[in-house]
Protein backbone atom coordinates (compact mmCIF):
# COMPACT_ATOMS: atom_id res chain seq x y z
CA MET A 1 -116.20 -35.91 -69.58
CA SER A 2 -116.34 -35.26 -73.24
CA ALA A 3 -115.70 -38.25 -75.44
CA ALA A 4 -113.72 -36.05 -77.82
CA MET A 5 -110.01 -36.16 -77.08
CA PRO A 6 -107.22 -33.96 -78.39
CA ALA A 7 -104.30 -35.53 -80.23
CA SER A 8 -102.25 -35.60 -77.04
CA GLY A 9 -104.71 -38.04 -75.47
CA CYS A 10 -105.56 -35.61 -72.67
CA THR A 11 -108.93 -34.25 -71.63
CA PRO A 12 -108.74 -30.45 -71.40
CA ALA A 13 -110.26 -28.81 -68.35
CA SER A 14 -112.58 -26.87 -70.65
CA ALA A 15 -113.98 -30.17 -71.93
CA SER A 16 -114.08 -32.03 -68.61
CA GLY A 17 -115.44 -29.19 -66.50
CA LEU A 18 -113.69 -30.72 -63.47
CA PRO A 19 -112.38 -28.70 -60.54
CA PRO A 20 -108.56 -28.34 -60.45
CA LEU A 21 -106.80 -31.64 -59.76
CA VAL A 22 -103.83 -32.48 -57.52
CA ASP A 23 -101.53 -35.36 -58.52
CA ILE A 24 -100.02 -36.41 -55.19
CA GLY A 25 -97.36 -38.70 -56.68
CA ALA A 26 -95.53 -38.27 -59.98
CA ASN A 27 -91.93 -39.35 -60.53
CA LEU A 28 -91.05 -36.33 -62.65
CA ALA A 29 -87.43 -36.67 -61.53
CA HIS A 30 -87.31 -39.84 -63.66
CA ASP A 31 -85.01 -39.41 -66.65
CA SER A 32 -87.84 -40.22 -69.08
CA PHE A 33 -89.11 -36.68 -68.46
CA ASP A 34 -85.79 -34.89 -68.97
CA ALA A 35 -86.34 -34.12 -72.66
CA ASP A 36 -89.93 -32.88 -72.60
CA LEU A 37 -90.90 -31.81 -69.08
CA ASP A 38 -92.29 -28.45 -70.24
CA ALA A 39 -94.59 -30.23 -72.67
CA VAL A 40 -95.63 -32.70 -69.95
CA LEU A 41 -96.53 -29.84 -67.63
CA HIS A 42 -98.42 -28.06 -70.40
CA ARG A 43 -100.51 -31.17 -71.07
CA ALA A 44 -101.17 -31.46 -67.35
CA THR A 45 -102.46 -27.89 -67.33
CA LEU A 46 -104.77 -28.63 -70.26
CA ALA A 47 -106.10 -31.63 -68.34
CA GLY A 48 -106.80 -29.50 -65.27
CA VAL A 49 -103.95 -30.87 -63.12
CA THR A 50 -102.82 -27.68 -61.40
CA GLN A 51 -100.55 -29.01 -58.63
CA ILE A 52 -98.19 -32.00 -58.62
CA VAL A 53 -96.16 -33.55 -55.81
CA VAL A 54 -92.90 -34.85 -57.28
CA THR A 55 -91.75 -38.03 -55.59
CA GLY A 56 -88.25 -38.31 -54.14
CA SER A 57 -87.05 -41.87 -53.66
CA SER A 58 -83.23 -41.75 -53.58
CA ALA A 59 -80.47 -39.25 -52.84
CA GLU A 60 -80.38 -38.17 -56.49
CA SER A 61 -84.13 -37.96 -57.05
CA ASN A 62 -84.59 -36.11 -53.74
CA ARG A 63 -82.28 -33.35 -54.99
CA LYS A 64 -83.90 -33.33 -58.41
CA ALA A 65 -87.44 -33.23 -57.02
CA LEU A 66 -86.59 -30.18 -54.92
CA ALA A 67 -84.95 -28.47 -57.90
CA LEU A 68 -88.10 -29.04 -59.94
CA ALA A 69 -90.26 -27.63 -57.17
CA LEU A 70 -88.04 -24.57 -56.87
CA GLY A 71 -88.22 -24.06 -60.62
CA HIS A 72 -92.03 -24.25 -60.71
CA PRO A 73 -93.24 -22.49 -57.54
CA GLY A 74 -96.89 -22.96 -56.70
CA ARG A 75 -97.16 -25.73 -59.28
CA LEU A 76 -94.69 -28.45 -58.25
CA TYR A 77 -93.83 -29.66 -54.76
CA ALA A 78 -91.46 -32.40 -53.59
CA THR A 79 -91.02 -35.29 -51.22
CA ALA A 80 -87.73 -36.66 -49.89
CA GLY A 81 -87.08 -40.25 -48.92
CA LEU A 82 -85.57 -43.62 -49.77
CA HIS A 83 -87.67 -46.19 -51.62
CA PRO A 84 -87.41 -49.76 -50.26
CA HIS A 85 -85.83 -50.85 -53.56
CA HIS A 86 -82.82 -48.71 -52.54
CA ALA A 87 -82.92 -49.51 -48.82
CA SER A 88 -79.42 -50.99 -48.82
CA GLU A 89 -78.14 -47.49 -49.58
CA TRP A 90 -79.36 -46.17 -46.23
CA GLU A 91 -76.59 -44.45 -44.29
CA ALA A 92 -76.03 -41.45 -42.06
CA SER A 93 -75.37 -39.05 -44.94
CA LEU A 94 -78.72 -39.90 -46.52
CA ALA A 95 -80.51 -39.40 -43.23
CA ALA A 96 -78.80 -36.01 -42.97
CA GLN A 97 -79.90 -35.11 -46.50
CA ILE A 98 -83.53 -35.98 -45.81
CA ARG A 99 -83.49 -34.08 -42.53
CA GLU A 100 -82.05 -31.03 -44.29
CA LEU A 101 -84.55 -31.25 -47.15
CA ALA A 102 -87.42 -31.56 -44.68
CA ALA A 103 -86.69 -27.99 -43.60
CA GLN A 104 -87.41 -26.69 -47.11
CA PRO A 105 -91.00 -25.42 -47.51
CA GLN A 106 -91.21 -26.94 -51.00
CA VAL A 107 -90.66 -30.41 -49.50
CA VAL A 108 -94.16 -31.25 -48.33
CA ALA A 109 -93.67 -34.87 -47.16
CA LEU A 110 -91.05 -37.47 -46.28
CA GLY A 111 -90.89 -40.61 -48.39
CA GLU A 112 -91.35 -42.48 -50.60
CA CYS A 113 -90.47 -45.10 -48.02
CA GLY A 114 -91.82 -48.40 -46.78
CA LEU A 115 -91.47 -52.09 -47.62
CA ASP A 116 -91.55 -53.97 -50.93
CA TYR A 117 -91.20 -57.75 -50.68
CA PHE A 118 -92.44 -58.29 -54.25
CA ARG A 119 -89.09 -57.44 -55.84
CA ASN A 120 -86.74 -57.58 -52.84
CA TYR A 121 -84.18 -55.45 -54.65
CA SER A 122 -82.84 -54.79 -51.14
CA PRO A 123 -82.83 -57.49 -48.46
CA GLN A 124 -85.89 -57.41 -46.24
CA ALA A 125 -83.80 -56.66 -43.14
CA ASP A 126 -82.31 -53.62 -44.87
CA GLN A 127 -85.77 -52.49 -45.90
CA ARG A 128 -87.05 -52.66 -42.34
CA ARG A 129 -83.99 -50.78 -41.06
CA ALA A 130 -84.40 -47.94 -43.58
CA PHE A 131 -88.15 -47.78 -43.01
CA ALA A 132 -87.78 -47.57 -39.23
CA ALA A 133 -85.22 -44.79 -39.60
CA GLN A 134 -87.53 -42.79 -41.87
CA LEU A 135 -90.49 -43.30 -39.56
CA ALA A 136 -88.34 -41.80 -36.81
CA LEU A 137 -87.37 -38.88 -39.05
CA ALA A 138 -91.01 -38.17 -39.83
CA ALA A 139 -91.81 -38.19 -36.12
CA GLU A 140 -88.87 -35.85 -35.49
CA THR A 141 -89.71 -33.36 -38.23
CA GLY A 142 -93.50 -33.52 -38.09
CA LYS A 143 -93.71 -33.82 -41.87
CA PRO A 144 -96.46 -35.84 -43.54
CA LEU A 145 -95.36 -39.31 -44.60
CA PHE A 146 -95.62 -40.80 -48.11
CA LEU A 147 -95.56 -44.58 -47.87
CA HIS A 148 -95.09 -47.57 -50.19
CA GLN A 149 -96.10 -51.16 -49.45
CA ARG A 150 -96.18 -54.19 -51.71
CA ASP A 151 -96.43 -57.81 -50.60
CA ALA A 152 -95.26 -56.81 -47.12
CA HIS A 153 -98.48 -55.92 -45.35
CA ALA A 154 -97.89 -57.75 -42.06
CA ASP A 155 -94.45 -56.25 -41.37
CA PHE A 156 -95.44 -52.86 -42.76
CA LEU A 157 -98.56 -52.69 -40.61
CA ALA A 158 -96.71 -53.75 -37.46
CA MET A 159 -94.03 -51.09 -37.93
CA LEU A 160 -96.51 -48.39 -38.84
CA ARG A 161 -98.75 -49.23 -35.90
CA GLU A 162 -95.80 -49.01 -33.52
CA HIS A 163 -94.82 -45.53 -34.71
CA ARG A 164 -98.26 -44.14 -35.56
CA PRO A 165 -98.85 -42.22 -32.29
CA GLN A 166 -95.74 -40.12 -32.97
CA LEU A 167 -96.53 -39.42 -36.63
CA GLY A 168 -98.45 -36.67 -38.35
CA PRO A 169 -100.49 -37.23 -41.52
CA VAL A 170 -99.75 -40.49 -43.35
CA VAL A 171 -100.70 -41.58 -46.87
CA VAL A 172 -100.32 -45.12 -48.17
CA HIS A 173 -99.64 -44.21 -51.77
CA CYS A 174 -100.43 -46.28 -54.87
CA PHE A 175 -102.74 -48.56 -52.92
CA THR A 176 -103.28 -51.87 -54.72
CA ASP A 177 -103.86 -54.29 -51.83
CA THR A 178 -106.95 -56.02 -50.43
CA GLN A 179 -109.94 -54.46 -48.73
CA ALA A 180 -108.78 -56.02 -45.46
CA ALA A 181 -105.45 -54.19 -45.77
CA LEU A 182 -107.32 -51.00 -46.62
CA GLU A 183 -109.40 -51.35 -43.48
CA ASP A 184 -106.20 -51.76 -41.44
CA TYR A 185 -104.79 -48.50 -42.83
CA LEU A 186 -108.00 -46.56 -42.36
CA ALA A 187 -108.11 -47.78 -38.75
CA LEU A 188 -104.68 -46.15 -38.30
CA ASP A 189 -106.04 -42.85 -39.64
CA CYS A 190 -104.11 -43.15 -42.90
CA HIS A 191 -104.96 -41.47 -46.16
CA ILE A 192 -105.06 -43.56 -49.34
CA GLY A 193 -103.64 -42.74 -52.78
CA ILE A 194 -105.29 -44.38 -55.78
CA THR A 195 -103.57 -44.70 -59.17
CA GLY A 196 -104.37 -46.04 -62.62
CA TRP A 197 -104.23 -49.54 -61.15
CA ILE A 198 -107.99 -49.10 -60.64
CA CYS A 199 -108.31 -48.81 -64.44
CA ASP A 200 -106.68 -52.21 -65.05
CA GLU A 201 -109.32 -54.83 -65.84
CA ARG A 202 -106.69 -57.59 -65.37
CA ARG A 203 -105.35 -56.71 -61.92
CA GLY A 204 -107.35 -53.86 -60.39
CA THR A 205 -110.99 -54.92 -60.37
CA HIS A 206 -110.91 -55.66 -56.61
CA LEU A 207 -110.35 -51.95 -56.03
CA LEU A 208 -113.72 -51.08 -57.56
CA ASP A 209 -115.45 -52.38 -54.43
CA ALA A 210 -112.72 -51.51 -51.93
CA VAL A 211 -112.54 -47.80 -52.73
CA ARG A 212 -116.15 -47.33 -51.72
CA ILE A 213 -115.20 -47.54 -48.04
CA ILE A 214 -112.63 -44.73 -48.19
CA PRO A 215 -114.05 -41.51 -46.69
CA ASP A 216 -113.90 -38.45 -48.96
CA THR A 217 -111.51 -36.84 -46.46
CA ARG A 218 -109.00 -39.71 -46.74
CA LEU A 219 -108.96 -40.25 -50.51
CA MET A 220 -106.38 -38.77 -52.90
CA VAL A 221 -105.42 -39.47 -56.51
CA GLU A 222 -102.08 -39.87 -58.25
CA THR A 223 -100.52 -41.11 -61.45
CA ASP A 224 -97.22 -42.54 -60.14
CA ALA A 225 -95.93 -41.41 -63.56
CA PRO A 226 -94.15 -42.67 -65.60
CA TYR A 227 -95.56 -45.95 -64.28
CA LEU A 228 -99.12 -47.35 -64.22
CA LEU A 229 -100.56 -45.72 -67.32
CA PRO A 230 -104.36 -46.17 -67.05
CA ARG A 231 -105.43 -48.87 -69.49
CA THR A 232 -108.63 -46.92 -70.11
CA ALA A 233 -106.73 -43.90 -71.46
CA PRO A 234 -106.51 -43.39 -75.22
CA LYS A 235 -103.69 -45.24 -76.94
CA THR A 236 -100.73 -43.05 -77.91
CA SER A 237 -97.44 -43.57 -79.69
CA HIS A 238 -95.71 -44.05 -76.34
CA ARG A 239 -96.85 -45.83 -73.19
CA ARG A 240 -95.35 -43.49 -70.61
CA ASN A 241 -97.75 -42.29 -67.96
CA GLU A 242 -97.85 -38.58 -67.08
CA PRO A 243 -99.94 -36.27 -64.87
CA ALA A 244 -102.38 -35.40 -67.67
CA TYR A 245 -103.79 -38.92 -67.39
CA LEU A 246 -104.97 -38.31 -63.83
CA VAL A 247 -108.45 -37.59 -65.20
CA TRP A 248 -108.81 -41.29 -66.02
CA VAL A 249 -108.20 -42.24 -62.38
CA VAL A 250 -110.87 -39.75 -61.34
CA ARG A 251 -113.28 -41.21 -63.90
CA ALA A 252 -112.78 -44.77 -62.60
CA LEU A 253 -113.12 -43.69 -58.97
CA ALA A 254 -116.30 -41.78 -59.67
CA ALA A 255 -117.88 -44.80 -61.36
CA ALA A 256 -116.80 -47.15 -58.57
CA ARG A 257 -117.95 -44.85 -55.77
CA ARG A 258 -121.16 -43.81 -57.55
CA GLN A 259 -120.20 -40.17 -57.28
CA SER A 260 -119.91 -37.52 -59.93
CA GLU A 261 -116.49 -36.93 -61.45
CA ALA A 262 -116.67 -33.31 -60.29
CA ALA A 263 -117.35 -34.42 -56.71
CA VAL A 264 -114.38 -36.82 -56.73
CA ALA A 265 -112.12 -34.16 -58.26
CA ALA A 266 -113.14 -31.52 -55.74
CA ALA A 267 -112.90 -33.81 -52.71
CA THR A 268 -109.56 -35.40 -53.59
CA SER A 269 -107.99 -32.02 -54.36
CA ALA A 270 -109.27 -30.48 -51.12
CA THR A 271 -107.97 -33.47 -49.17
CA ALA A 272 -104.56 -33.28 -50.89
CA ARG A 273 -104.20 -29.55 -50.22
CA ALA A 274 -105.06 -30.08 -46.55
CA PHE A 275 -102.74 -33.10 -46.22
CA PHE A 276 -99.67 -31.49 -47.83
CA GLY A 277 -100.38 -27.90 -46.80
CA LEU A 278 -100.72 -26.69 -50.38
CA PRO A 279 -102.23 -23.30 -51.20
CA ALA A 280 -105.37 -23.01 -53.29
CA PRO A 281 -104.42 -23.05 -56.98
CA GLU A 282 -104.06 -19.68 -58.65
């Protein structure tokens, strides 16, 4: 990548020379993007991010993610699910919404769902109930599954292992756990999403070794915007993450895996398109 950066803090595709990138997880339904989404998408284009999967994590964000995908065909896609933080909101009407959304071609995965015992915004029993219900929905619909796990590996693994034979493609998104946990997920034929956590010299250095064991065909990249801004990215007037910063995740992965940045970009994008059923970028 060129060391010269435009004022926006993004690396243009013309400077990076990278193949087109796919951001498999960006929370563009978050209200922090309401005022400047067009500019955010323009910066993503300059950075070579050609396709973005917009994460749904609640009834409201599920609807908004689909609306964004419909408004940007071929560029944005959506997921539909209930994040474990909101697990206490699980009810029949939400299950019906997710089932209905799963029938939309722009909805390319179910989730974000899983377990998060770090915050416990919803009681753990409620989290397990909502997760089990969404695992069943994924098995019913055949949709790929977009999963979240933090500080809940034992329960998460047990539930996933129980349902895995009935599930299609599965990605453990925003992976930040240990290499032992990574090995457990790879043994269950899961894909792995890596974020800017790998760029964090305070918390993410363990990933530099762990990511080397992920096969090219299981590895994908994501920003989880507006969260997890890569600490290696240029400093800007705001600290909101956005898809344009995906290039910094690719850079860190390439260094850790001893691969070229172009090879990581090409492989992760090909894997993402195969996983979510995305067309080749125009």
